[in-house]
Amino acid sequence: MFKSAIVLSNQHNIKIGGKLIGWKEGLTMGDPMIALRETCRSVSESNIVGIVGPELSREAILISPFSKLLGLPVISYSATDPELSDVTTYPNFYRTAPSDTIAASALVKLFNQFNWTSCVIIYQNDAFGSGAANAMNNAFNASNINVVQLIVYDIVKRTIDGDLKAILMNSPSRIAILWTESSYTSLILQEALNSNLVGPLFTWILSNKISFDSFNEIYYQNLIGMLLIEPVIGSVINAPYDFQLLNEAYNIWQNYENETYPGSTNVDYYALFAFDATWALIKSLEELCSSKINNSSSSCFSFIESSFCFDFRFNQYDLLSLILARANFFGVSGFVGFSNNTTDRTNGSYYSLKNVQKYVNGLNFVPVLEYVGSEHWRVPVIQNGIIWPGNSLTPPTDRALLQGVSLRIGLIESVPFIIVQNVTDENGRSTVQYTGYGSDLIQLLMDQLNFSATLILAPSNQTYTQTVFSVNKGVYDIVIGDVTVTAARSEVVGFSSPIYDNSLRLVVRQANNAGINFFAFLKPFSRRLWGLLLGACIYAGILMFIIERRNNQDLKERSIISQLTMSISNYS
């Protein structure tokens, strides 16, 4: 659609400086460095007046500042990182695709509509993924929606940071938001399918459409019920758009590259965003060259040309930026307008919620709800019911449920919690029977939560710590027994609320007489010993009186009785 816009401008005889508009195309392969190289090469070889693209946020974050140095506006049709909305940091950047900040707001309202209060977010480790994850995390926290965990997908190593199965199965939430590019989305979903993480247990929300051809048909049943939140154009939600312009663009595509034309109903929405990005630049250039403010020059454009791309400069950049900032028109995707306050389009941001359902030849994304910036998602004109995971018509809860799940429960033999008995039936067959408080608790939980259990008795020579680590290693899903909660154990497993309160006590003999005895302090020693101590003190006092009475000035000034009393009391 980029080329359709250029060709259409030629058909409309839109000329810039007396010449029809041309273009140069650069393939970046999603690599920011290649995008920089292609930009540098283009400005070194031609007089470039603007850039449509790049496609990816991680490219735009690099290309936009570089293009600002060259005096070139950048209008992207698919870079959605919220950071790019900052007009101070990216003053030459514009985009026709909605920012992921709007997607985050739409998701909050979707969660509120279905009473979901938690989720897990899986995102790729670049500007697109981290920017969206941050926007969603902030929006969810502000709305009391708990983001249980943020899981990183490494796009270089193409692996999840951690064990995906362990992370999701141990998570209290059953809503998984997957914010990755299509190619990575398919890889992650395949890993999840292999671990039975897609289907009845989890509800997945995707950010990009995928092809189901890469999946084995045995997994189709599990894929049913997934959701896709996708930015769409005005015609999808019956908003105003330029119908004639759209038909002209389709006709050009069909006539010039019929082999790539998918049909009007199958054109990717980002292709239409690309047309509007190109058309916004074309119309702004046309206005620049027709304005009186620039008529003083024989040509409306001038450049500082250089074989070294960093020295290139488009001299009319400031004037063109002023025109772009106030651009507004009805394009093929809806109303397109910009402002001085943000790089985002001021209107025309819409989303469709699509649901994976059975189709004639397999699976298909079916639109079920639409978002136009209102308080709630609304049902589209053509109504389609939502098929939830497990082919259910009832919206799932966001919390982990045990209904229909089979658990491996480890038992620690300990009376009265778990009592192990060998029971022999009438036929002489011996079986193991579990009784006690723990066994009764398991049966009560099974009846109330509707799960099944395989009971496994922990080996008698296994320590409590080894049993706890067996849960961490996946030998058991749950262990029931008289296990003490310690800091070290809490780091590897989660503990339930205590089912038994245990403590240590000192046992002492109770006294017969509970009354107050003022002479209780005398009980440690016998009367004879107390008498011996008293006699020793008196005897020592008398000796001190006899020895010191002649030399001690304090004693000389007292009477004999006072001298004797003082000697005895000082010794005591």
Protein backbone atom coordinates (compact mmCIF):
# COMPACT_ATOMS: atom_id res chain seq x y z
CA MET A 1 0.00 0.00 0.00
CA PHE A 2 3.03 2.28 0.32
CA LYS A 3 3.63 1.96 -3.41
CA SER A 4 -0.08 2.40 -4.10
CA ALA A 5 0.04 5.79 -2.37
CA ILE A 6 3.06 6.89 -4.42
CA VAL A 7 1.52 5.71 -7.70
CA LEU A 8 -1.80 7.32 -6.80
CA SER A 9 -0.07 10.66 -6.18
CA ASN A 10 1.45 10.37 -9.66
CA GLN A 11 -1.97 9.63 -11.14
CA HIS A 12 -3.32 12.70 -9.36
CA ASN A 13 -0.40 14.63 -10.86
CA ILE A 14 0.87 15.72 -7.46
CA LYS A 15 4.29 17.21 -8.14
CA ILE A 16 6.95 18.36 -5.75
CA GLY A 17 9.24 21.00 -7.18
CA GLY A 18 7.85 20.25 -10.62
CA LYS A 19 8.60 16.53 -10.37
CA LEU A 20 6.48 13.49 -9.64
CA ILE A 21 7.18 11.75 -6.33
CA GLY A 22 9.52 8.77 -6.34
CA TRP A 23 10.73 6.42 -3.64
CA LYS A 24 13.56 4.24 -2.44
CA GLU A 25 12.94 1.01 -0.60
CA GLY A 26 15.13 -0.59 2.06
CA LEU A 27 14.70 -4.02 3.64
CA THR A 28 15.80 -4.07 7.27
CA MET A 29 15.08 -7.69 8.28
CA GLY A 30 14.03 -6.37 11.69
CA ASP A 31 17.60 -5.40 12.52
CA PRO A 32 18.05 -1.78 13.79
CA MET A 33 21.62 -1.69 12.48
CA ILE A 34 20.51 -2.72 8.99
CA ALA A 35 17.76 -0.09 9.19
CA LEU A 36 20.41 2.51 10.03
CA ARG A 37 22.62 1.33 7.17
CA GLU A 38 19.76 1.46 4.65
CA THR A 39 18.78 4.96 5.79
CA CYS A 40 22.35 6.15 5.50
CA ARG A 41 22.72 4.62 2.04
CA SER A 42 19.47 6.17 0.80
CA VAL A 43 20.31 9.74 1.83
CA SER A 44 23.81 9.34 0.37
CA GLU A 45 22.41 8.32 -3.02
CA SER A 46 19.21 10.43 -3.28
CA ASN A 47 17.57 13.58 -1.99
CA ILE A 48 15.23 12.07 0.60
CA VAL A 49 12.47 14.27 2.07
CA GLY A 50 10.85 11.85 4.51
CA ILE A 51 10.76 8.25 5.77
CA VAL A 52 7.69 6.00 5.91
CA GLY A 53 8.45 3.38 8.51
CA PRO A 54 10.27 1.69 10.01
CA GLU A 55 8.05 -1.27 10.79
CA LEU A 56 9.34 -2.19 14.26
CA SER A 57 9.61 -0.16 17.46
CA ARG A 58 13.19 -1.25 18.09
CA GLU A 59 14.10 0.20 14.67
CA ALA A 60 12.10 3.41 15.14
CA ILE A 61 13.83 4.24 18.42
CA LEU A 62 17.14 4.35 16.53
CA ILE A 63 16.03 5.71 13.16
CA SER A 64 13.98 8.61 14.50
CA PRO A 65 16.85 10.43 16.32
CA PHE A 66 19.17 9.74 13.37
CA SER A 67 16.63 11.16 10.92
CA LYS A 68 16.17 14.22 13.14
CA LEU A 69 19.86 14.90 12.64
CA LEU A 70 19.28 14.76 8.88
CA GLY A 71 16.15 16.90 9.00
CA LEU A 72 13.77 14.12 7.93
CA PRO A 73 10.31 13.36 9.35
CA VAL A 74 9.59 9.70 10.17
CA ILE A 75 6.02 8.37 9.90
CA SER A 76 5.65 4.77 11.06
CA TYR A 77 2.69 2.55 10.31
CA SER A 78 3.29 -0.18 12.91
CA ALA A 79 5.75 0.92 15.63
CA THR A 80 3.58 0.92 18.77
CA ASP A 81 6.04 1.36 21.68
CA PRO A 82 4.49 3.93 24.09
CA GLU A 83 7.90 5.57 24.58
CA LEU A 84 7.67 6.84 20.98
CA SER A 85 4.72 9.04 21.99
CA ASP A 86 7.12 11.47 23.69
CA VAL A 87 7.26 14.41 21.29
CA THR A 88 10.16 15.95 23.21
CA THR A 89 12.38 12.91 22.69
CA TYR A 90 11.10 12.11 19.19
CA PRO A 91 10.02 15.48 17.70
CA ASN A 92 10.23 14.26 14.10
CA PHE A 93 8.27 11.04 14.67
CA TYR A 94 4.62 10.37 13.79
CA ARG A 95 2.60 7.19 13.52
CA THR A 96 -0.70 6.05 12.10
CA ALA A 97 -0.95 2.82 14.15
CA PRO A 98 -2.27 3.31 17.71
CA SER A 99 0.14 3.30 20.63
CA ASP A 100 0.16 0.32 22.98
CA THR A 101 -0.88 2.72 25.73
CA ILE A 102 -4.33 2.67 24.15
CA ALA A 103 -4.16 -1.11 23.90
CA ALA A 104 -3.40 -1.26 27.64
CA SER A 105 -6.46 0.88 28.40
CA ALA A 106 -8.58 -1.35 26.18
CA LEU A 107 -7.33 -4.44 28.00
CA VAL A 108 -8.21 -2.95 31.38
CA LYS A 109 -11.79 -2.45 30.22
CA LEU A 110 -11.85 -5.96 28.80
CA PHE A 111 -10.72 -7.38 32.16
CA ASN A 112 -13.35 -5.34 33.98
CA GLN A 113 -16.02 -6.59 31.59
CA PHE A 114 -15.25 -10.23 32.41
CA ASN A 115 -14.40 -9.66 36.10
CA TRP A 116 -10.77 -10.71 35.69
CA THR A 117 -8.44 -9.37 38.36
CA SER A 118 -5.08 -10.97 37.53
CA CYS A 119 -2.87 -12.05 34.65
CA VAL A 120 0.58 -13.13 33.56
CA ILE A 121 2.34 -11.09 30.84
CA ILE A 122 4.83 -12.69 28.45
CA TYR A 123 6.72 -10.15 26.34
CA GLN A 124 9.71 -10.04 24.02
CA ASN A 125 12.84 -8.25 25.21
CA ASP A 126 12.87 -5.27 22.88
CA ALA A 127 11.18 -1.86 22.67
CA PHE A 128 7.91 -3.33 21.37
CA GLY A 129 7.60 -5.91 24.13
CA SER A 130 9.03 -4.05 27.11
CA GLY A 131 7.20 -0.83 26.23
CA ALA A 132 3.84 -2.59 26.03
CA ALA A 133 4.52 -4.65 29.18
CA ASN A 134 5.33 -1.49 31.12
CA ALA A 135 2.19 0.26 29.83
CA MET A 136 -0.01 -2.72 30.72
CA ASN A 137 1.59 -3.12 34.14
CA ASN A 138 0.97 0.54 34.98
CA ALA A 139 -2.61 0.50 33.65
CA PHE A 140 -3.45 -2.74 35.45
CA ASN A 141 -1.97 -1.63 38.77
CA ALA A 142 -3.93 1.62 38.58
CA SER A 143 -7.11 -0.44 38.14
CA ASN A 144 -6.33 -2.98 40.91
CA ILE A 145 -5.59 -5.75 38.43
CA ASN A 146 -2.72 -7.89 39.67
CA VAL A 147 0.08 -8.64 37.21
CA VAL A 148 1.26 -11.84 38.88
CA GLN A 149 4.43 -12.14 36.83
CA LEU A 150 6.24 -10.55 33.89
CA ILE A 151 7.92 -13.24 31.79
CA VAL A 152 10.64 -12.30 29.29
CA TYR A 153 11.08 -13.99 25.91
CA ASP A 154 14.60 -13.58 24.53
CA ILE A 155 14.27 -12.90 20.79
CA VAL A 156 17.96 -13.67 20.18
CA LYS A 157 18.07 -16.99 22.02
CA ARG A 158 14.39 -17.59 21.24
CA THR A 159 13.72 -18.96 24.68
CA ILE A 160 11.62 -18.06 27.70
CA ASP A 161 13.54 -16.76 30.68
CA GLY A 162 12.74 -19.71 32.96
CA ASP A 163 10.61 -22.85 32.83
CA LEU A 164 7.34 -21.82 31.16
CA LYS A 165 5.41 -24.81 32.48
CA ALA A 166 6.59 -24.36 36.05
CA ILE A 167 5.92 -20.61 35.96
CA LEU A 168 2.38 -20.88 34.60
CA MET A 169 1.31 -23.94 36.58
CA ASN A 170 2.52 -22.33 39.82
CA SER A 171 0.82 -19.04 38.99
CA PRO A 172 -2.45 -18.17 40.74
CA SER A 173 -3.71 -16.56 37.50
CA ARG A 174 -5.01 -18.38 34.43
CA ILE A 175 -4.98 -15.39 32.02
CA ALA A 176 -1.82 -15.20 29.89
CA ILE A 177 -1.16 -12.12 27.74
CA LEU A 178 1.37 -12.79 24.99
CA TRP A 179 2.90 -9.56 23.61
CA THR A 180 5.29 -10.77 20.93
CA GLU A 181 5.69 -10.61 17.15
CA SER A 182 3.86 -13.26 15.12
CA SER A 183 6.89 -15.49 14.52
CA TYR A 184 7.76 -15.56 18.22
CA THR A 185 4.12 -16.02 19.19
CA SER A 186 3.93 -19.27 17.22
CA LEU A 187 7.10 -20.59 18.87
CA ILE A 188 5.90 -19.77 22.38
CA LEU A 189 2.46 -21.27 21.74
CA GLN A 190 4.03 -24.45 20.44
CA GLU A 191 6.07 -24.77 23.63
CA ALA A 192 2.92 -24.12 25.65
CA LEU A 193 0.98 -26.72 23.66
CA ASN A 194 3.70 -29.30 24.26
CA SER A 195 3.30 -28.69 28.01
CA ASN A 196 -0.52 -28.72 27.89
CA LEU A 197 -0.72 -25.05 28.86
CA VAL A 198 -3.15 -24.02 26.11
CA GLY A 199 -6.79 -24.95 26.30
CA PRO A 200 -9.09 -25.48 29.24
CA LEU A 201 -6.53 -24.50 31.89
CA PHE A 202 -5.49 -21.11 30.47
CA THR A 203 -7.01 -18.26 28.47
CA TRP A 204 -4.44 -16.73 26.12
CA ILE A 205 -4.66 -13.18 24.76
CA LEU A 206 -2.41 -12.50 21.74
CA SER A 207 -1.16 -9.19 20.36
CA ASN A 208 -0.45 -10.44 16.84
CA LYS A 209 -2.30 -12.66 14.41
CA ILE A 210 -0.65 -16.00 13.63
CA SER A 211 -1.02 -18.65 10.96
CA PHE A 212 -2.43 -21.94 12.18
CA ASP A 213 -0.65 -23.85 9.41
CA SER A 214 2.45 -24.17 11.59
CA PHE A 215 0.56 -26.24 14.18
CA ASN A 216 -0.33 -29.90 14.00
CA GLU A 217 -4.07 -30.43 13.71
CA ILE A 218 -4.06 -32.49 16.91
CA TYR A 219 -3.59 -29.18 18.76
CA TYR A 220 -6.48 -27.36 17.11
CA GLN A 221 -8.89 -28.25 19.88
CA ASN A 222 -6.55 -26.64 22.44
CA LEU A 223 -6.16 -23.48 20.36
CA ILE A 224 -9.90 -22.84 20.27
CA GLY A 225 -10.85 -20.09 22.70
CA MET A 226 -7.72 -17.95 22.40
CA LEU A 227 -8.26 -14.20 22.02
CA LEU A 228 -6.53 -11.64 19.79
CA ILE A 229 -6.56 -7.88 20.43
CA GLU A 230 -5.83 -6.20 17.11
CA PRO A 231 -5.79 -2.56 15.93
CA VAL A 232 -8.28 -2.14 13.09
CA ILE A 233 -9.39 0.49 10.59
CA GLY A 234 -12.49 2.67 10.61
CA SER A 235 -14.48 0.55 8.16
CA VAL A 236 -14.39 -2.40 10.59
CA ILE A 237 -16.25 -0.50 13.31
CA ASN A 238 -18.35 1.66 10.95
CA ALA A 239 -16.33 4.82 11.56
CA PRO A 240 -15.88 7.39 8.76
CA TYR A 241 -13.07 6.87 6.20
CA ASP A 242 -12.30 7.83 2.58
CA PHE A 243 -14.06 5.09 0.62
CA GLN A 244 -13.01 6.45 -2.79
CA LEU A 245 -9.37 6.75 -1.79
CA LEU A 246 -9.40 3.17 -0.52
CA ASN A 247 -10.87 1.82 -3.76
CA GLU A 248 -8.31 3.73 -5.83
CA ALA A 249 -5.51 2.26 -3.71
CA TYR A 250 -6.88 -1.26 -4.09
CA ASN A 251 -7.20 -0.85 -7.86
CA ILE A 252 -3.60 0.28 -8.18
CA TRP A 253 -2.37 -2.65 -6.10
CA GLN A 254 -4.41 -5.10 -8.13
CA ASN A 255 -3.27 -3.64 -11.47
CA TYR A 256 0.42 -3.30 -10.69
CA GLU A 257 1.08 -6.32 -8.44
CA ASN A 258 -1.90 -8.58 -8.85
CA GLU A 259 0.09 -11.62 -7.71
CA THR A 260 0.48 -10.12 -4.20
CA TYR A 261 -3.03 -8.66 -3.91
CA PRO A 262 -4.95 -10.77 -1.33
CA GLY A 263 -8.38 -9.33 -2.04
CA SER A 264 -10.02 -6.35 -0.37
CA THR A 265 -11.31 -8.37 2.60
CA ASN A 266 -7.92 -9.90 3.38
CA VAL A 267 -5.69 -6.84 3.27
CA ASP A 268 -3.68 -6.50 6.47
CA TYR A 269 -4.72 -3.49 8.52
CA TYR A 270 -1.10 -2.38 8.89
CA ALA A 271 -0.95 -2.08 5.08
CA LEU A 272 -3.73 0.50 5.31
CA PHE A 273 -1.90 2.29 8.12
CA ALA A 274 1.12 2.36 5.76
CA PHE A 275 -0.96 3.98 3.03
CA ASP A 276 -2.17 6.71 5.38
CA ALA A 277 1.38 7.30 6.65
CA THR A 278 2.58 7.75 3.07
CA TRP A 279 -0.43 9.87 2.12
CA ALA A 280 0.08 12.16 5.14
CA LEU A 281 3.67 12.80 4.02
CA ILE A 282 2.61 13.38 0.39
CA LYS A 283 -0.15 15.84 1.27
CA SER A 284 2.16 17.71 3.66
CA LEU A 285 4.85 17.99 0.98
CA GLU A 286 2.24 19.24 -1.47
CA GLU A 287 1.13 21.91 0.99
CA LEU A 288 4.73 22.88 1.68
CA CYS A 289 5.44 23.51 -1.98
CA SER A 290 2.19 25.38 -2.55
CA SER A 291 2.46 27.65 0.50
CA LYS A 292 3.25 31.30 0.08
CA ILE A 293 5.79 31.07 2.85
CA ASN A 294 8.07 29.04 0.61
CA ASN A 295 7.44 30.73 -2.75
CA SER A 296 10.54 32.89 -2.48
CA SER A 297 12.65 30.04 -3.84
CA SER A 298 12.53 28.70 -7.39
CA SER A 299 12.37 25.20 -5.89
CA CYS A 300 10.46 24.35 -2.74
CA PHE A 301 13.21 21.98 -1.65
CA SER A 302 16.88 22.39 -0.93
CA PHE A 303 19.44 20.05 0.55
CA ILE A 304 22.90 19.93 1.99
CA GLU A 305 24.18 16.99 0.00
CA SER A 306 27.07 14.80 1.08
CA SER A 307 28.47 11.37 0.36
CA PHE A 308 28.80 11.03 4.12
CA CYS A 309 25.23 10.49 5.25
CA PHE A 310 25.61 12.19 8.61
CA ASP A 311 26.30 15.49 6.83
CA PHE A 312 23.10 15.31 4.74
CA ARG A 313 20.36 17.82 5.60
CA PHE A 314 16.87 18.56 4.28
CA ASN A 315 16.64 22.32 4.73
CA GLN A 316 12.84 22.59 4.77
CA TYR A 317 12.42 20.19 7.68
CA ASP A 318 11.13 22.80 10.16
CA LEU A 319 8.43 24.03 7.76
CA LEU A 320 7.41 20.48 6.89
CA SER A 321 7.18 19.58 10.59
CA LEU A 322 4.80 22.47 11.23
CA ILE A 323 2.54 21.26 8.42
CA LEU A 324 2.64 17.62 9.54
CA ALA A 325 1.80 18.58 13.13
CA ARG A 326 -1.51 20.11 12.01
CA ALA A 327 -2.31 17.54 9.31
CA ASN A 328 -5.82 16.09 9.40
CA PHE A 329 -7.74 14.20 6.74
CA PHE A 330 -9.92 11.14 6.24
CA GLY A 331 -7.66 8.35 5.10
CA VAL A 332 -8.25 4.72 4.22
CA SER A 333 -7.94 3.70 7.92
CA GLY A 334 -10.18 6.46 9.27
CA PHE A 335 -9.55 10.00 10.43
CA VAL A 336 -5.84 10.85 10.54
CA GLY A 337 -4.64 13.85 12.48
CA PHE A 338 -1.56 14.90 14.44
CA SER A 339 -0.80 17.59 17.01
CA ASN A 340 2.12 19.39 18.65
CA ASN A 341 1.62 17.54 21.96
CA THR A 342 2.16 13.93 20.91
CA THR A 343 3.46 11.83 18.06
CA ASP A 344 0.28 9.70 18.04
CA ARG A 345 -2.68 10.23 15.75
CA THR A 346 -5.31 12.27 17.56
CA ASN A 347 -8.22 10.09 16.47
CA GLY A 348 -8.97 6.91 14.60
CA SER A 349 -7.56 4.37 17.10
CA TYR A 350 -9.78 1.29 17.16
CA TYR A 351 -9.40 -2.32 18.31
CA SER A 352 -11.11 -5.59 17.54
CA LEU A 353 -11.22 -8.58 19.88
CA LYS A 354 -11.09 -11.78 17.87
CA ASN A 355 -11.72 -15.31 19.03
CA VAL A 356 -10.15 -18.51 17.68
CA GLN A 357 -12.99 -20.75 16.52
CA LYS A 358 -13.55 -23.72 14.26
CA TYR A 359 -13.72 -22.88 10.58
CA VAL A 360 -14.44 -24.84 7.41
CA ASN A 361 -10.79 -25.63 6.75
CA GLY A 362 -9.52 -25.56 10.31
CA LEU A 363 -9.40 -22.52 12.60
CA ASN A 364 -10.03 -18.83 12.13
CA PHE A 365 -10.00 -15.57 14.06
CA VAL A 366 -13.62 -14.43 14.44
CA PRO A 367 -14.41 -10.83 15.56
CA VAL A 368 -16.51 -10.86 18.72
CA LEU A 369 -16.08 -7.39 20.31
CA GLU A 370 -14.88 -3.97 19.21
CA TYR A 371 -13.37 -1.00 21.02
CA VAL A 372 -13.71 2.61 19.92
CA GLY A 373 -12.42 4.36 23.01
CA SER A 374 -15.73 4.14 24.86
CA GLU A 375 -16.16 2.93 28.42
CA HIS A 376 -16.75 -0.67 27.40
CA TRP A 377 -16.18 -3.04 24.55
CA ARG A 378 -19.23 -3.36 22.36
CA VAL A 379 -20.73 -6.12 20.25
CA PRO A 380 -20.16 -5.54 16.51
CA VAL A 381 -23.00 -5.26 14.00
CA ILE A 382 -22.40 -8.85 12.87
CA GLN A 383 -22.60 -10.68 16.17
CA ASN A 384 -20.53 -13.75 16.96
CA GLY A 385 -20.56 -15.52 20.30
CA ILE A 386 -17.30 -16.16 22.14
CA ILE A 387 -16.14 -19.77 22.33
CA TRP A 388 -13.98 -20.00 25.43
CA PRO A 389 -11.19 -22.56 26.07
CA GLY A 390 -12.58 -26.06 26.41
CA ASN A 391 -15.42 -25.19 23.96
CA SER A 392 -17.26 -23.45 26.78
CA LEU A 393 -19.80 -20.68 26.40
CA THR A 394 -19.19 -19.48 29.96
CA PRO A 395 -16.45 -16.88 30.50
CA PRO A 396 -13.61 -18.44 32.49
CA THR A 397 -12.35 -17.18 35.80
CA ASP A 398 -8.88 -15.70 36.01
CA ARG A 399 -8.02 -17.85 39.04
CA ALA A 400 -6.48 -21.30 39.00
CA LEU A 401 -9.11 -24.03 39.35
CA LEU A 402 -8.60 -27.68 40.22
CA GLN A 403 -11.79 -28.96 38.62
CA GLY A 404 -10.95 -31.97 36.45
CA VAL A 405 -7.25 -31.82 37.37
CA SER A 406 -5.38 -34.91 38.57
CA LEU A 407 -2.89 -34.22 41.36
CA ARG A 408 -0.05 -36.33 42.71
CA ILE A 409 -0.28 -35.94 46.49
CA GLY A 410 2.64 -37.03 48.63
CA LEU A 411 1.83 -38.39 52.10
CA ILE A 412 4.13 -38.38 55.13
CA GLU A 413 3.30 -41.15 57.57
CA SER A 414 2.78 -39.53 60.95
CA VAL A 415 0.11 -40.41 63.51
CA PRO A 416 -2.51 -38.94 63.81
CA PHE A 417 -2.18 -37.04 60.51
CA ILE A 418 -1.50 -39.91 58.13
CA ILE A 419 -2.00 -43.45 59.43
CA VAL A 420 -0.92 -46.27 57.10
CA GLN A 421 -2.60 -49.66 57.48
CA ASN A 422 -2.35 -52.88 55.51
CA VAL A 423 -5.85 -54.26 55.00
CA THR A 424 -6.57 -57.79 53.78
CA ASP A 425 -9.88 -58.43 52.02
CA GLU A 426 -11.94 -61.62 51.83
CA ASN A 427 -9.86 -62.91 48.94
CA GLY A 428 -6.63 -62.54 50.85
CA ARG A 429 -5.46 -59.54 48.86
CA SER A 430 -3.56 -56.98 50.86
CA THR A 431 -3.98 -53.27 50.16
CA VAL A 432 -2.68 -50.12 51.77
CA GLN A 433 -5.28 -47.92 53.43
CA TYR A 434 -4.73 -44.34 54.55
CA THR A 435 -6.63 -42.91 57.49
CA GLY A 436 -6.24 -39.97 59.80
CA TYR A 437 -6.77 -36.23 59.70
CA GLY A 438 -4.75 -35.72 56.48
CA SER A 439 -6.61 -38.44 54.63
CA ASP A 440 -9.97 -36.95 55.63
CA LEU A 441 -8.80 -33.50 54.57
CA ILE A 442 -7.81 -34.77 51.11
CA GLN A 443 -11.21 -36.38 50.61
CA LEU A 444 -12.99 -33.21 51.71
CA LEU A 445 -10.99 -31.11 49.23
CA MET A 446 -11.62 -33.58 46.42
CA ASP A 447 -15.36 -33.44 47.05
CA GLN A 448 -15.46 -29.64 47.17
CA LEU A 449 -13.00 -28.78 44.38
CA ASN A 450 -13.76 -31.71 42.04
CA PHE A 451 -10.21 -32.87 41.39
CA SER A 452 -8.82 -36.39 41.42
CA ALA A 453 -5.73 -37.50 43.32
CA THR A 454 -3.06 -40.14 43.18
CA LEU A 455 -1.79 -40.73 46.72
CA ILE A 456 1.93 -41.49 47.01
CA LEU A 457 3.50 -42.47 50.35
CA ALA A 458 6.87 -40.78 50.86
CA PRO A 459 9.69 -43.29 51.55
CA SER A 460 10.29 -43.87 55.25
CA ASN A 461 14.01 -43.12 54.87
CA GLN A 462 13.31 -39.75 53.25
CA THR A 463 13.83 -36.68 55.40
CA TYR A 464 11.26 -33.91 55.66
CA THR A 465 13.55 -31.55 53.76
CA GLN A 466 13.99 -34.08 50.95
CA THR A 467 10.22 -34.47 50.72
CA VAL A 468 9.79 -30.69 50.50
CA PHE A 469 12.35 -30.49 47.68
CA SER A 470 10.50 -33.30 45.88
CA VAL A 471 7.60 -30.86 45.44
CA ASN A 472 9.96 -28.32 43.95
CA LYS A 473 11.32 -30.94 41.53
CA GLY A 474 7.83 -32.00 40.44
CA VAL A 475 7.78 -35.46 42.04
CA TYR A 476 4.63 -34.41 43.92
CA ASP A 477 2.17 -31.63 43.21
CA ILE A 478 1.23 -31.37 46.90
CA VAL A 479 2.53 -32.90 50.12
CA ILE A 480 0.35 -33.31 53.20
CA GLY A 481 1.96 -34.01 56.55
CA ASP A 482 3.35 -32.53 59.74
CA VAL A 483 5.93 -30.39 57.95
CA THR A 484 7.44 -27.43 59.78
CA VAL A 485 7.61 -24.13 57.88
CA THR A 486 11.18 -22.82 57.72
CA ALA A 487 12.75 -19.90 55.85
CA ALA A 488 14.88 -22.22 53.69
CA ARG A 489 11.92 -24.38 52.71
CA SER A 490 9.77 -21.34 51.95
CA GLU A 491 12.27 -20.30 49.27
CA VAL A 492 11.61 -23.43 47.18
CA VAL A 493 7.93 -24.24 47.81
CA GLY A 494 4.76 -22.49 48.88
CA PHE A 495 3.07 -23.42 52.16
CA SER A 496 -0.65 -23.40 52.86
CA SER A 497 -2.16 -21.88 55.95
CA PRO A 498 -1.32 -24.10 58.96
CA ILE A 499 -3.75 -26.96 59.58
CA TYR A 500 -2.26 -27.77 62.99
CA ASP A 501 -0.76 -25.45 65.61
CA ASN A 502 2.11 -27.01 67.52
CA SER A 503 4.35 -25.51 70.22
CA LEU A 504 6.79 -26.49 73.00
CA ARG A 505 5.98 -26.22 76.76
CA LEU A 506 7.85 -26.68 80.06
CA VAL A 507 6.07 -29.02 82.52
CA VAL A 508 6.61 -28.23 86.26
CA ARG A 509 5.12 -29.58 89.50
CA GLN A 510 2.18 -27.55 90.71
CA ALA A 511 2.48 -26.25 94.34
CA ASN A 512 -0.22 -27.42 96.81
CA ASN A 513 -0.48 -24.04 98.56
CA ALA A 514 -1.35 -21.31 96.16
CA GLY A 515 -1.34 -18.62 98.90
CA ILE A 516 1.32 -15.92 99.35
CA ASN A 517 4.19 -16.84 101.70
CA PHE A 518 6.26 -13.85 102.78
CA PHE A 519 9.06 -16.16 103.99
CA ALA A 520 9.33 -18.10 100.74
CA PHE A 521 12.80 -16.62 100.18
CA LEU A 522 14.06 -18.73 103.11
CA LYS A 523 13.05 -22.06 101.51
CA PRO A 524 16.20 -22.67 99.42
CA PHE A 525 18.22 -23.42 102.64
CA SER A 526 17.33 -25.48 105.72
CA ARG A 527 16.93 -23.90 109.19
CA ARG A 528 20.16 -25.47 110.41
CA LEU A 529 22.08 -23.97 107.48
CA TRP A 530 20.50 -20.55 108.04
CA GLY A 531 21.51 -20.79 111.75
CA LEU A 532 25.07 -21.77 110.83
CA LEU A 533 25.33 -18.78 108.48
CA LEU A 534 23.99 -16.40 111.14
CA GLY A 535 26.41 -17.74 113.79
CA ALA A 536 29.35 -17.41 111.39
CA CYS A 537 28.48 -13.77 110.72
CA ILE A 538 28.27 -12.97 114.49
CA TYR A 539 31.54 -14.76 115.24
CA ALA A 540 33.36 -12.96 112.40
CA GLY A 541 31.94 -9.62 113.56
CA ILE A 542 33.23 -10.16 117.12
CA LEU A 543 36.72 -11.01 115.83
CA MET A 544 36.75 -7.86 113.70
CA PHE A 545 35.61 -5.82 116.74
CA ILE A 546 38.49 -7.18 118.87
CA ILE A 547 41.13 -6.63 116.15
CA GLU A 548 40.13 -3.16 114.82
CA ARG A 549 38.65 -1.33 117.84
CA ARG A 550 42.02 0.18 118.84
CA ASN A 551 43.04 1.39 115.33
CA ASN A 552 39.70 2.22 113.69
CA GLN A 553 38.80 5.88 114.37
CA ASP A 554 35.09 5.24 113.57
CA LEU A 555 34.90 2.56 116.27
CA LYS A 556 36.71 4.63 118.96
CA GLU A 557 34.03 7.31 118.92
CA ARG A 558 31.18 4.83 119.56
CA SER A 559 29.98 2.88 122.59
CA ILE A 560 31.05 -0.74 123.05
CA ILE A 561 27.59 -2.03 122.02
CA SER A 562 27.58 0.25 118.93
CA GLN A 563 31.12 -0.85 118.05
CA LEU A 564 30.12 -4.50 118.25
CA THR A 565 26.92 -3.98 116.19
CA MET A 566 28.77 -2.05 113.47
CA SER A 567 31.46 -4.74 113.18
CA ILE A 568 28.93 -7.51 112.79
CA SER A 569 26.76 -5.58 110.24
CA ASN A 570 29.79 -4.56 108.13
CA TYR A 571 30.93 -8.14 107.88
CA SER A 572 27.48 -9.35 106.97
